[in-house]
Amino acid sequence: MSKWVDTVAIERDGFSIKVPDSWWEFEIRPETREDSIRRIVEERMRATPEMAPHRDTIRTFLRAQAREAWDSGAAYIGCMADTFGGEVPITASMTVSLLSARNEDGSTLSTDPAEIAGQLKSITAKKPTDAWRKVTTVEIPGVGTTARTYGVEDIRFRQDPRPMRVVLMQTYIPVPGSANRVALVSGSSHVTEIADSLFEVFDAVTSTFRFA
């Protein structure tokens, strides 16, 4: 995220994160999200009339992201939808979820970043059109070492069981004082053609994550 991009700090119970102030934040609860999305879309269209032709596309995108965020138990979702002077909106989203690290049998998993990274699987592409994933550890200022995956992957969303190709970055941040809790910060986008640029955005936003 370039230094001239204005940001806004988002605070939730136990953590904060900064996102560009042009991103969309809205209510994701099923009983209120439709009205929340309708209101924020109309407000944004009035402020940026050049986005008006993409109203339906953006509304559909936000609805899908809200459903997925709610179903996955996310504590926060922020979405990007902007044409950046082009003809088609570039969309992406970031979520923060607080999870318990457990095996399928219910036993506790370690939240040590090196051990988390060791449990994650990399994917090697055999040809340029294949999906891929890299596993690494990164340092987040004020937080410490964290495990991370990033790549272009085929994943299944809850509302659509068919695999979809997405740019995906997931960072696993151990919760201080907890034996098995992690904050999972996930960035995703269907615009795979600009994967490297999206990784930079996701990394920049994730680097602002702090525990309260």
N, C-alpha and C. Protein backbone atom coordinates (compact mmCIF):
# COMPACT_ATOMS: atom_id res chain seq x y z
N MET A 1 0.85 -1.18 0.00
CA MET A 1 0.00 0.00 0.00
C MET A 1 0.89 1.23 0.00
N SER A 2 0.77 2.04 -1.03
CA SER A 2 1.64 3.19 -1.19
C SER A 2 1.38 4.22 -0.11
N LYS A 3 2.39 5.04 0.15
CA LYS A 3 2.31 5.97 1.27
C LYS A 3 1.24 7.03 1.08
N TRP A 4 0.83 7.28 -0.20
CA TRP A 4 -0.18 8.32 -0.42
C TRP A 4 -1.61 7.80 -0.35
N VAL A 5 -1.79 6.52 -0.03
CA VAL A 5 -3.12 5.96 0.12
C VAL A 5 -3.61 6.21 1.54
N ASP A 6 -4.73 6.91 1.67
CA ASP A 6 -5.29 7.14 3.00
C ASP A 6 -5.87 5.85 3.55
N THR A 7 -5.73 5.65 4.85
CA THR A 7 -6.24 4.44 5.48
C THR A 7 -7.19 4.79 6.61
N VAL A 8 -7.97 3.80 7.00
CA VAL A 8 -8.85 3.95 8.14
C VAL A 8 -8.62 2.75 9.06
N ALA A 9 -8.55 2.99 10.36
CA ALA A 9 -8.31 1.92 11.33
C ALA A 9 -9.63 1.26 11.71
N ILE A 10 -9.68 -0.05 11.58
CA ILE A 10 -10.86 -0.83 11.95
C ILE A 10 -10.56 -1.52 13.28
N GLU A 11 -11.43 -1.34 14.26
CA GLU A 11 -11.23 -1.96 15.56
C GLU A 11 -12.37 -2.94 15.85
N ARG A 12 -11.98 -4.10 16.32
CA ARG A 12 -12.93 -5.11 16.75
C ARG A 12 -12.51 -5.58 18.13
N ASP A 13 -13.32 -6.43 18.73
CA ASP A 13 -13.01 -6.94 20.06
C ASP A 13 -11.73 -7.77 20.01
N GLY A 14 -10.63 -7.20 20.45
CA GLY A 14 -9.38 -7.93 20.54
C GLY A 14 -8.36 -7.61 19.48
N PHE A 15 -8.72 -6.88 18.41
CA PHE A 15 -7.72 -6.60 17.38
C PHE A 15 -8.10 -5.35 16.60
N SER A 16 -7.13 -4.85 15.83
CA SER A 16 -7.37 -3.75 14.91
C SER A 16 -6.59 -4.00 13.63
N ILE A 17 -7.03 -3.38 12.54
CA ILE A 17 -6.37 -3.51 11.25
C ILE A 17 -6.69 -2.27 10.44
N LYS A 18 -5.75 -1.84 9.61
CA LYS A 18 -5.97 -0.65 8.79
C LYS A 18 -6.16 -1.04 7.33
N VAL A 19 -7.16 -0.44 6.68
CA VAL A 19 -7.42 -0.71 5.27
C VAL A 19 -7.55 0.62 4.54
N PRO A 20 -7.35 0.65 3.22
CA PRO A 20 -7.57 1.88 2.46
C PRO A 20 -8.97 2.42 2.70
N ASP A 21 -9.10 3.75 2.82
CA ASP A 21 -10.42 4.31 3.14
C ASP A 21 -11.41 4.22 2.00
N SER A 22 -10.98 3.76 0.83
CA SER A 22 -11.90 3.55 -0.27
C SER A 22 -12.56 2.16 -0.23
N TRP A 23 -12.13 1.31 0.70
CA TRP A 23 -12.70 -0.03 0.78
C TRP A 23 -14.12 0.03 1.35
N TRP A 24 -14.85 -1.02 1.12
CA TRP A 24 -16.24 -1.12 1.54
C TRP A 24 -16.34 -1.97 2.81
N GLU A 25 -16.99 -1.45 3.83
CA GLU A 25 -17.28 -2.23 5.03
C GLU A 25 -18.77 -2.15 5.29
N PHE A 26 -19.38 -3.28 5.63
CA PHE A 26 -20.83 -3.32 5.75
C PHE A 26 -21.23 -4.44 6.70
N GLU A 27 -22.49 -4.42 7.08
CA GLU A 27 -23.04 -5.42 8.00
C GLU A 27 -23.17 -6.76 7.28
N ILE A 28 -22.76 -7.87 7.93
CA ILE A 28 -22.83 -9.17 7.28
C ILE A 28 -23.88 -10.09 7.89
N ARG A 29 -24.56 -9.66 8.96
CA ARG A 29 -25.61 -10.51 9.53
C ARG A 29 -26.73 -10.69 8.53
N PRO A 30 -27.27 -11.90 8.38
CA PRO A 30 -28.29 -12.16 7.35
C PRO A 30 -29.49 -11.23 7.43
N GLU A 31 -29.91 -10.86 8.63
CA GLU A 31 -31.13 -10.06 8.75
C GLU A 31 -30.92 -8.58 8.40
N THR A 32 -29.68 -8.15 8.32
CA THR A 32 -29.44 -6.72 8.06
C THR A 32 -28.53 -6.44 6.87
N ARG A 33 -27.87 -7.46 6.32
CA ARG A 33 -26.85 -7.20 5.32
C ARG A 33 -27.42 -6.67 4.01
N GLU A 34 -28.62 -7.11 3.61
CA GLU A 34 -29.16 -6.63 2.34
C GLU A 34 -29.38 -5.11 2.37
N ASP A 35 -29.96 -4.63 3.45
CA ASP A 35 -30.17 -3.19 3.57
C ASP A 35 -28.85 -2.46 3.68
N SER A 36 -27.89 -3.03 4.40
CA SER A 36 -26.59 -2.41 4.56
C SER A 36 -25.87 -2.29 3.22
N ILE A 37 -25.90 -3.36 2.43
CA ILE A 37 -25.25 -3.35 1.12
C ILE A 37 -25.94 -2.37 0.19
N ARG A 38 -27.27 -2.38 0.17
CA ARG A 38 -28.00 -1.45 -0.70
C ARG A 38 -27.65 -0.01 -0.37
N ARG A 39 -27.60 0.31 0.92
CA ARG A 39 -27.34 1.68 1.34
C ARG A 39 -25.92 2.11 0.98
N ILE A 40 -24.94 1.26 1.25
CA ILE A 40 -23.55 1.66 1.00
C ILE A 40 -23.27 1.75 -0.50
N VAL A 41 -23.90 0.88 -1.30
CA VAL A 41 -23.71 0.96 -2.75
C VAL A 41 -24.27 2.25 -3.30
N GLU A 42 -25.47 2.62 -2.86
CA GLU A 42 -26.07 3.86 -3.35
C GLU A 42 -25.27 5.08 -2.91
N GLU A 43 -24.76 5.06 -1.70
CA GLU A 43 -23.93 6.17 -1.24
C GLU A 43 -22.66 6.28 -2.08
N ARG A 44 -22.05 5.15 -2.39
CA ARG A 44 -20.81 5.17 -3.17
C ARG A 44 -21.09 5.60 -4.62
N MET A 45 -22.23 5.19 -5.17
CA MET A 45 -22.56 5.57 -6.54
C MET A 45 -22.76 7.09 -6.65
N ARG A 46 -23.36 7.67 -5.61
CA ARG A 46 -23.55 9.13 -5.63
C ARG A 46 -22.21 9.85 -5.54
N ALA A 47 -21.29 9.29 -4.76
CA ALA A 47 -19.99 9.92 -4.58
C ALA A 47 -19.09 9.71 -5.78
N THR A 48 -19.23 8.58 -6.47
CA THR A 48 -18.40 8.26 -7.64
C THR A 48 -19.30 7.81 -8.78
N PRO A 49 -19.91 8.74 -9.50
CA PRO A 49 -20.88 8.40 -10.55
C PRO A 49 -20.30 7.50 -11.64
N GLU A 50 -18.99 7.53 -11.86
CA GLU A 50 -18.41 6.69 -12.89
C GLU A 50 -18.53 5.20 -12.57
N MET A 51 -18.83 4.88 -11.30
CA MET A 51 -19.02 3.48 -10.91
C MET A 51 -20.44 3.00 -11.14
N ALA A 52 -21.36 3.92 -11.42
CA ALA A 52 -22.78 3.58 -11.53
C ALA A 52 -23.08 2.45 -12.51
N PRO A 53 -22.43 2.37 -13.68
CA PRO A 53 -22.73 1.27 -14.60
C PRO A 53 -22.42 -0.12 -14.03
N HIS A 54 -21.62 -0.16 -12.95
CA HIS A 54 -21.23 -1.44 -12.37
C HIS A 54 -22.00 -1.73 -11.07
N ARG A 55 -23.08 -1.01 -10.85
CA ARG A 55 -23.84 -1.14 -9.60
C ARG A 55 -24.23 -2.59 -9.34
N ASP A 56 -24.82 -3.27 -10.32
CA ASP A 56 -25.31 -4.64 -10.10
C ASP A 56 -24.16 -5.61 -9.87
N THR A 57 -23.06 -5.43 -10.61
CA THR A 57 -21.89 -6.30 -10.43
C THR A 57 -21.33 -6.17 -9.02
N ILE A 58 -21.22 -4.94 -8.56
CA ILE A 58 -20.66 -4.71 -7.22
C ILE A 58 -21.60 -5.22 -6.15
N ARG A 59 -22.90 -4.99 -6.33
CA ARG A 59 -23.87 -5.48 -5.34
C ARG A 59 -23.82 -7.00 -5.23
N THR A 60 -23.74 -7.69 -6.37
CA THR A 60 -23.66 -9.15 -6.37
C THR A 60 -22.39 -9.62 -5.68
N PHE A 61 -21.28 -8.95 -5.95
CA PHE A 61 -20.00 -9.30 -5.31
C PHE A 61 -20.08 -9.14 -3.80
N LEU A 62 -20.62 -8.02 -3.34
CA LEU A 62 -20.70 -7.77 -1.90
C LEU A 62 -21.62 -8.77 -1.21
N ARG A 63 -22.73 -9.13 -1.86
CA ARG A 63 -23.63 -10.13 -1.28
C ARG A 63 -22.92 -11.46 -1.09
N ALA A 64 -22.19 -11.89 -2.12
CA ALA A 64 -21.48 -13.17 -2.04
C ALA A 64 -20.43 -13.14 -0.95
N GLN A 65 -19.69 -12.02 -0.84
CA GLN A 65 -18.66 -11.92 0.18
C GLN A 65 -19.26 -11.89 1.57
N ALA A 66 -20.40 -11.22 1.73
CA ALA A 66 -21.07 -11.17 3.03
C ALA A 66 -21.53 -12.55 3.47
N ARG A 67 -22.11 -13.32 2.54
CA ARG A 67 -22.54 -14.67 2.87
C ARG A 67 -21.37 -15.53 3.31
N GLU A 68 -20.29 -15.48 2.53
CA GLU A 68 -19.13 -16.31 2.84
C GLU A 68 -18.52 -15.91 4.18
N ALA A 69 -18.42 -14.60 4.43
CA ALA A 69 -17.85 -14.13 5.68
C ALA A 69 -18.69 -14.58 6.88
N TRP A 70 -20.00 -14.46 6.76
CA TRP A 70 -20.90 -14.86 7.85
C TRP A 70 -20.81 -16.37 8.09
N ASP A 71 -20.87 -17.15 7.00
CA ASP A 71 -20.85 -18.60 7.13
C ASP A 71 -19.55 -19.11 7.73
N SER A 72 -18.44 -18.39 7.47
CA SER A 72 -17.14 -18.83 7.98
C SER A 72 -16.83 -18.28 9.37
N GLY A 73 -17.72 -17.45 9.91
CA GLY A 73 -17.53 -16.90 11.24
C GLY A 73 -16.53 -15.77 11.31
N ALA A 74 -16.35 -15.03 10.22
CA ALA A 74 -15.39 -13.93 10.20
C ALA A 74 -15.80 -12.83 11.17
N ALA A 75 -14.80 -12.22 11.82
CA ALA A 75 -15.06 -11.10 12.73
C ALA A 75 -15.02 -9.77 11.99
N TYR A 76 -14.40 -9.76 10.81
CA TYR A 76 -14.32 -8.52 10.02
C TYR A 76 -14.19 -8.88 8.55
N ILE A 77 -14.82 -8.08 7.68
CA ILE A 77 -14.61 -8.19 6.24
C ILE A 77 -14.50 -6.79 5.66
N GLY A 78 -13.53 -6.60 4.79
CA GLY A 78 -13.41 -5.38 4.01
C GLY A 78 -13.29 -5.75 2.55
N CYS A 79 -13.94 -5.00 1.66
CA CYS A 79 -13.94 -5.33 0.25
C CYS A 79 -13.46 -4.15 -0.60
N MET A 80 -12.76 -4.47 -1.66
CA MET A 80 -12.32 -3.49 -2.63
C MET A 80 -13.11 -3.71 -3.92
N ALA A 81 -13.64 -2.64 -4.50
CA ALA A 81 -14.31 -2.71 -5.80
C ALA A 81 -14.08 -1.38 -6.49
N ASP A 82 -13.19 -1.37 -7.48
CA ASP A 82 -12.81 -0.11 -8.12
C ASP A 82 -12.39 -0.40 -9.55
N THR A 83 -12.71 0.52 -10.45
CA THR A 83 -12.31 0.34 -11.85
C THR A 83 -10.89 0.82 -12.11
N PHE A 84 -10.37 1.70 -11.25
CA PHE A 84 -9.04 2.27 -11.42
C PHE A 84 -8.85 2.82 -12.84
N GLY A 85 -9.91 3.41 -13.37
CA GLY A 85 -9.85 4.00 -14.70
C GLY A 85 -10.14 3.03 -15.83
N GLY A 86 -10.32 1.75 -15.53
CA GLY A 86 -10.61 0.76 -16.56
C GLY A 86 -12.09 0.57 -16.77
N GLU A 87 -12.45 -0.46 -17.52
CA GLU A 87 -13.85 -0.70 -17.84
C GLU A 87 -14.52 -1.70 -16.91
N VAL A 88 -13.72 -2.54 -16.25
CA VAL A 88 -14.28 -3.61 -15.42
C VAL A 88 -13.78 -3.43 -13.99
N PRO A 89 -14.66 -3.52 -12.98
CA PRO A 89 -14.21 -3.37 -11.60
C PRO A 89 -13.24 -4.49 -11.18
N ILE A 90 -12.21 -4.10 -10.45
CA ILE A 90 -11.31 -5.06 -9.82
C ILE A 90 -11.81 -5.25 -8.40
N THR A 91 -12.09 -6.49 -8.04
CA THR A 91 -12.67 -6.77 -6.73
C THR A 91 -11.74 -7.66 -5.91
N ALA A 92 -11.75 -7.46 -4.62
CA ALA A 92 -10.97 -8.27 -3.69
C ALA A 92 -11.58 -8.11 -2.31
N SER A 93 -11.25 -9.01 -1.41
CA SER A 93 -11.76 -8.92 -0.04
C SER A 93 -10.72 -9.41 0.94
N MET A 94 -10.83 -8.91 2.18
CA MET A 94 -9.99 -9.39 3.26
C MET A 94 -10.86 -9.64 4.48
N THR A 95 -10.61 -10.75 5.14
CA THR A 95 -11.37 -11.11 6.34
C THR A 95 -10.41 -11.40 7.48
N VAL A 96 -10.91 -11.23 8.69
CA VAL A 96 -10.19 -11.63 9.90
C VAL A 96 -11.11 -12.58 10.67
N SER A 97 -10.59 -13.76 10.97
CA SER A 97 -11.35 -14.75 11.72
C SER A 97 -10.51 -15.22 12.91
N LEU A 98 -11.14 -15.38 14.05
CA LEU A 98 -10.46 -15.90 15.24
C LEU A 98 -10.82 -17.38 15.37
N LEU A 99 -9.81 -18.25 15.30
CA LEU A 99 -10.03 -19.68 15.20
C LEU A 99 -9.31 -20.43 16.31
N SER A 100 -9.83 -21.62 16.62
CA SER A 100 -9.15 -22.55 17.51
C SER A 100 -8.40 -23.55 16.65
N ALA A 101 -7.10 -23.73 16.92
CA ALA A 101 -6.29 -24.66 16.16
C ALA A 101 -6.41 -26.05 16.77
N ARG A 102 -7.16 -26.91 16.12
CA ARG A 102 -7.39 -28.26 16.64
C ARG A 102 -7.32 -29.30 15.53
N ASN A 103 -6.92 -30.52 15.91
CA ASN A 103 -6.98 -31.65 15.00
C ASN A 103 -8.42 -32.11 14.84
N GLU A 104 -8.65 -32.98 13.88
CA GLU A 104 -9.99 -33.51 13.66
C GLU A 104 -10.51 -34.26 14.88
N ASP A 105 -9.60 -34.84 15.69
CA ASP A 105 -10.03 -35.58 16.88
C ASP A 105 -10.26 -34.66 18.08
N GLY A 106 -10.08 -33.34 17.88
CA GLY A 106 -10.34 -32.39 18.95
C GLY A 106 -9.11 -32.00 19.75
N SER A 107 -7.98 -32.66 19.51
CA SER A 107 -6.77 -32.34 20.25
C SER A 107 -6.21 -31.00 19.79
N THR A 108 -5.50 -30.33 20.70
CA THR A 108 -4.98 -28.99 20.43
C THR A 108 -3.76 -29.03 19.52
N LEU A 109 -3.73 -28.14 18.54
CA LEU A 109 -2.57 -27.97 17.69
C LEU A 109 -1.70 -26.84 18.21
N SER A 110 -0.42 -26.93 17.96
CA SER A 110 0.49 -25.86 18.35
C SER A 110 0.24 -24.62 17.50
N THR A 111 0.39 -23.43 18.12
CA THR A 111 0.27 -22.18 17.37
C THR A 111 1.64 -21.58 17.08
N ASP A 112 2.71 -22.34 17.32
CA ASP A 112 4.04 -21.88 16.97
C ASP A 112 4.11 -21.70 15.45
N PRO A 113 4.51 -20.51 14.96
CA PRO A 113 4.49 -20.24 13.52
C PRO A 113 5.25 -21.28 12.69
N ALA A 114 6.40 -21.73 13.17
CA ALA A 114 7.18 -22.71 12.42
C ALA A 114 6.41 -24.03 12.32
N GLU A 115 5.72 -24.42 13.41
CA GLU A 115 4.96 -25.66 13.39
C GLU A 115 3.72 -25.53 12.51
N ILE A 116 3.07 -24.35 12.55
CA ILE A 116 1.93 -24.14 11.66
C ILE A 116 2.38 -24.24 10.21
N ALA A 117 3.48 -23.58 9.88
CA ALA A 117 3.99 -23.63 8.51
C ALA A 117 4.31 -25.06 8.09
N GLY A 118 4.81 -25.85 9.05
CA GLY A 118 5.13 -27.23 8.74
C GLY A 118 3.91 -28.08 8.46
N GLN A 119 2.75 -27.66 8.97
CA GLN A 119 1.52 -28.41 8.76
C GLN A 119 0.81 -28.01 7.46
N LEU A 120 1.21 -26.88 6.89
CA LEU A 120 0.57 -26.39 5.67
C LEU A 120 1.27 -26.98 4.44
N LYS A 121 0.52 -27.19 3.39
CA LYS A 121 1.07 -27.85 2.21
C LYS A 121 1.28 -26.85 1.08
N SER A 122 2.44 -26.93 0.46
CA SER A 122 2.69 -26.13 -0.73
C SER A 122 2.16 -26.89 -1.96
N ILE A 123 1.90 -26.14 -3.02
CA ILE A 123 1.43 -26.74 -4.27
C ILE A 123 2.35 -26.25 -5.38
N THR A 124 2.93 -27.18 -6.13
CA THR A 124 3.83 -26.83 -7.23
C THR A 124 3.10 -26.94 -8.55
N ALA A 125 3.13 -25.88 -9.34
CA ALA A 125 2.49 -25.87 -10.65
C ALA A 125 3.38 -26.60 -11.65
N LYS A 126 2.81 -27.54 -12.39
CA LYS A 126 3.58 -28.26 -13.40
C LYS A 126 3.57 -27.52 -14.73
N LYS A 127 2.58 -26.64 -14.92
CA LYS A 127 2.54 -25.80 -16.11
C LYS A 127 1.98 -24.44 -15.71
N PRO A 128 2.17 -23.40 -16.53
CA PRO A 128 1.79 -22.04 -16.13
C PRO A 128 0.33 -21.86 -15.75
N THR A 129 -0.55 -22.71 -16.26
CA THR A 129 -1.97 -22.55 -15.97
C THR A 129 -2.41 -23.30 -14.72
N ASP A 130 -1.50 -24.01 -14.07
CA ASP A 130 -1.85 -24.77 -12.87
C ASP A 130 -1.96 -23.87 -11.64
N ALA A 131 -2.72 -24.34 -10.66
CA ALA A 131 -2.77 -23.67 -9.37
C ALA A 131 -1.45 -23.88 -8.64
N TRP A 132 -1.13 -22.95 -7.72
CA TRP A 132 0.10 -23.09 -6.94
C TRP A 132 -0.07 -22.41 -5.59
N ARG A 133 0.75 -22.83 -4.63
CA ARG A 133 0.73 -22.24 -3.29
C ARG A 133 2.12 -22.35 -2.67
N LYS A 134 2.56 -21.27 -2.05
CA LYS A 134 3.82 -21.27 -1.33
C LYS A 134 3.55 -21.10 0.16
N VAL A 135 4.40 -21.71 0.99
CA VAL A 135 4.29 -21.63 2.44
C VAL A 135 5.54 -20.95 2.97
N THR A 136 5.36 -20.00 3.86
CA THR A 136 6.50 -19.27 4.39
C THR A 136 6.17 -18.75 5.79
N THR A 137 7.11 -18.06 6.40
CA THR A 137 6.86 -17.31 7.63
C THR A 137 7.26 -15.86 7.37
N VAL A 138 6.53 -14.93 7.98
CA VAL A 138 6.81 -13.51 7.80
C VAL A 138 6.78 -12.81 9.14
N GLU A 139 7.47 -11.68 9.21
CA GLU A 139 7.49 -10.86 10.42
C GLU A 139 6.48 -9.72 10.27
N ILE A 140 5.61 -9.56 11.26
CA ILE A 140 4.67 -8.45 11.30
C ILE A 140 5.08 -7.54 12.45
N PRO A 141 5.41 -6.28 12.17
CA PRO A 141 5.84 -5.35 13.23
C PRO A 141 4.81 -5.29 14.36
N GLY A 142 5.28 -5.39 15.58
CA GLY A 142 4.38 -5.32 16.72
C GLY A 142 3.64 -6.61 17.02
N VAL A 143 3.82 -7.61 16.16
CA VAL A 143 3.15 -8.90 16.36
C VAL A 143 4.17 -10.02 16.47
N GLY A 144 5.11 -10.06 15.52
CA GLY A 144 6.14 -11.09 15.54
C GLY A 144 6.06 -12.00 14.33
N THR A 145 6.61 -13.20 14.47
CA THR A 145 6.67 -14.16 13.37
C THR A 145 5.32 -14.83 13.18
N THR A 146 4.91 -14.98 11.93
CA THR A 146 3.64 -15.63 11.61
C THR A 146 3.83 -16.57 10.43
N ALA A 147 2.96 -17.57 10.34
CA ALA A 147 2.96 -18.48 9.20
C ALA A 147 2.06 -17.91 8.10
N ARG A 148 2.42 -18.17 6.86
CA ARG A 148 1.63 -17.63 5.74
C ARG A 148 1.65 -18.57 4.54
N THR A 149 0.52 -18.61 3.84
CA THR A 149 0.46 -19.22 2.51
C THR A 149 0.01 -18.16 1.53
N TYR A 150 0.50 -18.25 0.29
CA TYR A 150 0.00 -17.38 -0.76
C TYR A 150 0.15 -18.10 -2.10
N GLY A 151 -0.77 -17.79 -3.00
CA GLY A 151 -0.72 -18.44 -4.30
C GLY A 151 -1.97 -18.16 -5.11
N VAL A 152 -2.10 -18.88 -6.21
CA VAL A 152 -3.29 -18.85 -7.05
C VAL A 152 -3.89 -20.24 -6.96
N GLU A 153 -5.03 -20.36 -6.26
CA GLU A 153 -5.55 -21.66 -5.87
C GLU A 153 -6.96 -21.89 -6.37
N ASP A 154 -7.34 -23.16 -6.43
CA ASP A 154 -8.71 -23.55 -6.72
C ASP A 154 -9.38 -23.87 -5.39
N ILE A 155 -10.35 -23.05 -5.00
CA ILE A 155 -11.03 -23.26 -3.72
C ILE A 155 -12.53 -23.34 -3.94
N ARG A 156 -13.21 -23.84 -2.93
CA ARG A 156 -14.67 -23.96 -2.98
C ARG A 156 -15.27 -23.06 -1.91
N PHE A 157 -16.15 -22.16 -2.32
CA PHE A 157 -16.87 -21.33 -1.37
C PHE A 157 -18.14 -22.07 -0.94
N ARG A 158 -18.60 -21.75 0.25
CA ARG A 158 -19.76 -22.46 0.80
C ARG A 158 -21.00 -22.31 -0.07
N GLN A 159 -21.19 -21.13 -0.66
CA GLN A 159 -22.41 -20.92 -1.43
C GLN A 159 -22.32 -21.50 -2.84
N ASP A 160 -21.13 -21.96 -3.24
CA ASP A 160 -20.95 -22.54 -4.58
C ASP A 160 -19.91 -23.64 -4.48
N PRO A 161 -20.33 -24.91 -4.55
CA PRO A 161 -19.40 -26.02 -4.34
C PRO A 161 -18.41 -26.22 -5.49
N ARG A 162 -18.61 -25.54 -6.61
CA ARG A 162 -17.68 -25.69 -7.73
C ARG A 162 -16.37 -24.98 -7.42
N PRO A 163 -15.23 -25.58 -7.78
CA PRO A 163 -13.95 -24.92 -7.52
C PRO A 163 -13.81 -23.64 -8.33
N MET A 164 -13.22 -22.63 -7.69
CA MET A 164 -13.01 -21.35 -8.34
C MET A 164 -11.55 -20.95 -8.19
N ARG A 165 -10.95 -20.42 -9.24
CA ARG A 165 -9.55 -20.01 -9.23
C ARG A 165 -9.45 -18.60 -8.63
N VAL A 166 -8.67 -18.47 -7.56
CA VAL A 166 -8.55 -17.18 -6.87
C VAL A 166 -7.11 -16.91 -6.48
N VAL A 167 -6.80 -15.64 -6.34
CA VAL A 167 -5.57 -15.21 -5.68
C VAL A 167 -5.86 -15.27 -4.18
N LEU A 168 -5.00 -15.93 -3.43
CA LEU A 168 -5.29 -16.14 -2.00
C LEU A 168 -4.03 -15.99 -1.16
N MET A 169 -4.13 -15.18 -0.11
CA MET A 169 -3.08 -15.08 0.89
C MET A 169 -3.71 -15.27 2.27
N GLN A 170 -3.14 -16.18 3.07
CA GLN A 170 -3.65 -16.44 4.41
C GLN A 170 -2.50 -16.38 5.41
N THR A 171 -2.68 -15.56 6.44
CA THR A 171 -1.65 -15.37 7.47
C THR A 171 -2.21 -15.81 8.81
N TYR A 172 -1.48 -16.68 9.49
CA TYR A 172 -1.92 -17.28 10.75
C TYR A 172 -1.17 -16.61 11.89
N ILE A 173 -1.87 -15.83 12.70
CA ILE A 173 -1.24 -15.02 13.74
C ILE A 173 -1.63 -15.56 15.12
N PRO A 174 -0.68 -16.10 15.88
CA PRO A 174 -1.01 -16.65 17.21
C PRO A 174 -1.58 -15.57 18.13
N VAL A 175 -2.62 -15.91 18.87
CA VAL A 175 -3.21 -14.98 19.83
C VAL A 175 -2.41 -15.04 21.12
N PRO A 176 -1.89 -13.91 21.58
CA PRO A 176 -1.06 -13.92 22.80
C PRO A 176 -1.83 -14.48 24.00
N GLY A 177 -1.14 -15.29 24.78
CA GLY A 177 -1.74 -15.83 25.99
C GLY A 177 -2.68 -16.99 25.77
N SER A 178 -2.81 -17.45 24.52
CA SER A 178 -3.71 -18.57 24.23
C SER A 178 -2.90 -19.75 23.72
N ALA A 179 -3.31 -20.94 24.14
CA ALA A 179 -2.57 -22.14 23.74
C ALA A 179 -2.93 -22.60 22.34
N ASN A 180 -4.13 -22.25 21.85
CA ASN A 180 -4.54 -22.81 20.56
C ASN A 180 -5.38 -21.85 19.71
N ARG A 181 -5.31 -20.54 19.98
CA ARG A 181 -6.10 -19.59 19.20
C ARG A 181 -5.20 -18.85 18.21
N VAL A 182 -5.71 -18.68 16.99
CA VAL A 182 -5.01 -17.91 15.98
C VAL A 182 -5.99 -16.95 15.32
N ALA A 183 -5.45 -15.80 14.89
CA ALA A 183 -6.21 -14.90 14.03
C ALA A 183 -5.81 -15.19 12.60
N LEU A 184 -6.77 -15.58 11.79
CA LEU A 184 -6.51 -15.87 10.38
C LEU A 184 -6.90 -14.66 9.55
N VAL A 185 -5.91 -14.02 8.93
CA VAL A 185 -6.15 -12.86 8.07
C VAL A 185 -6.03 -13.34 6.63
N SER A 186 -7.15 -13.27 5.89
CA SER A 186 -7.21 -13.83 4.54
C SER A 186 -7.54 -12.74 3.53
N GLY A 187 -6.77 -12.70 2.44
CA GLY A 187 -7.06 -11.82 1.32
C GLY A 187 -7.30 -12.66 0.09
N SER A 188 -8.37 -12.34 -0.68
CA SER A 188 -8.67 -13.13 -1.87
C SER A 188 -9.26 -12.26 -2.97
N SER A 189 -9.08 -12.73 -4.20
CA SER A 189 -9.62 -12.03 -5.36
C SER A 189 -9.72 -13.01 -6.52
N HIS A 190 -10.72 -12.80 -7.38
CA HIS A 190 -10.86 -13.63 -8.58
C HIS A 190 -10.03 -13.08 -9.74
N VAL A 191 -9.40 -11.93 -9.56
CA VAL A 191 -8.65 -11.29 -10.65
C VAL A 191 -7.22 -11.81 -10.64
N THR A 192 -7.03 -13.01 -11.17
CA THR A 192 -5.74 -13.69 -11.10
C THR A 192 -4.68 -13.05 -11.99
N GLU A 193 -5.10 -12.23 -12.94
CA GLU A 193 -4.13 -11.63 -13.87
C GLU A 193 -3.19 -10.65 -13.17
N ILE A 194 -3.59 -10.12 -12.03
CA ILE A 194 -2.75 -9.15 -11.32
C ILE A 194 -2.38 -9.70 -9.93
N ALA A 195 -2.09 -10.98 -9.89
CA ALA A 195 -1.82 -11.65 -8.61
C ALA A 195 -0.71 -10.96 -7.82
N ASP A 196 0.40 -10.62 -8.47
CA ASP A 196 1.52 -10.02 -7.74
C ASP A 196 1.14 -8.70 -7.08
N SER A 197 0.37 -7.87 -7.80
CA SER A 197 -0.08 -6.59 -7.22
C SER A 197 -1.01 -6.82 -6.05
N LEU A 198 -1.88 -7.82 -6.15
CA LEU A 198 -2.80 -8.12 -5.06
C LEU A 198 -2.05 -8.66 -3.84
N PHE A 199 -1.03 -9.46 -4.06
CA PHE A 199 -0.22 -9.93 -2.93
C PHE A 199 0.38 -8.75 -2.17
N GLU A 200 0.82 -7.74 -2.90
CA GLU A 200 1.40 -6.56 -2.25
C GLU A 200 0.34 -5.85 -1.39
N VAL A 201 -0.88 -5.73 -1.92
CA VAL A 201 -1.95 -5.09 -1.16
C VAL A 201 -2.28 -5.92 0.07
N PHE A 202 -2.47 -7.22 -0.10
CA PHE A 202 -2.82 -8.09 1.03
C PHE A 202 -1.74 -8.05 2.10
N ASP A 203 -0.47 -8.08 1.68
CA ASP A 203 0.62 -8.04 2.64
C ASP A 203 0.64 -6.72 3.39
N ALA A 204 0.42 -5.61 2.67
CA ALA A 204 0.45 -4.29 3.31
C ALA A 204 -0.66 -4.16 4.35
N VAL A 205 -1.86 -4.62 4.01
CA VAL A 205 -2.97 -4.54 4.96
C VAL A 205 -2.71 -5.46 6.16
N THR A 206 -2.28 -6.68 5.89
CA THR A 206 -2.02 -7.63 6.98
C THR A 206 -0.95 -7.11 7.93
N SER A 207 0.02 -6.37 7.41
CA SER A 207 1.12 -5.86 8.25
C SER A 207 0.65 -4.82 9.26
N THR A 208 -0.59 -4.32 9.09
CA THR A 208 -1.13 -3.35 10.05
C THR A 208 -1.91 -4.02 11.17
N PHE A 209 -2.06 -5.33 11.11
CA PHE A 209 -2.82 -6.04 12.14
C PHE A 209 -2.15 -5.91 13.50
N ARG A 210 -2.93 -5.63 14.50
CA ARG A 210 -2.44 -5.55 15.87
C ARG A 210 -3.49 -6.15 16.82
N PHE A 211 -3.02 -6.80 17.89
CA PHE A 211 -3.93 -7.21 18.96
C PHE A 211 -4.15 -6.03 19.89
N ALA A 212 -5.37 -5.93 20.38
CA ALA A 212 -5.69 -4.84 21.30
C ALA A 212 -5.02 -5.12 22.64
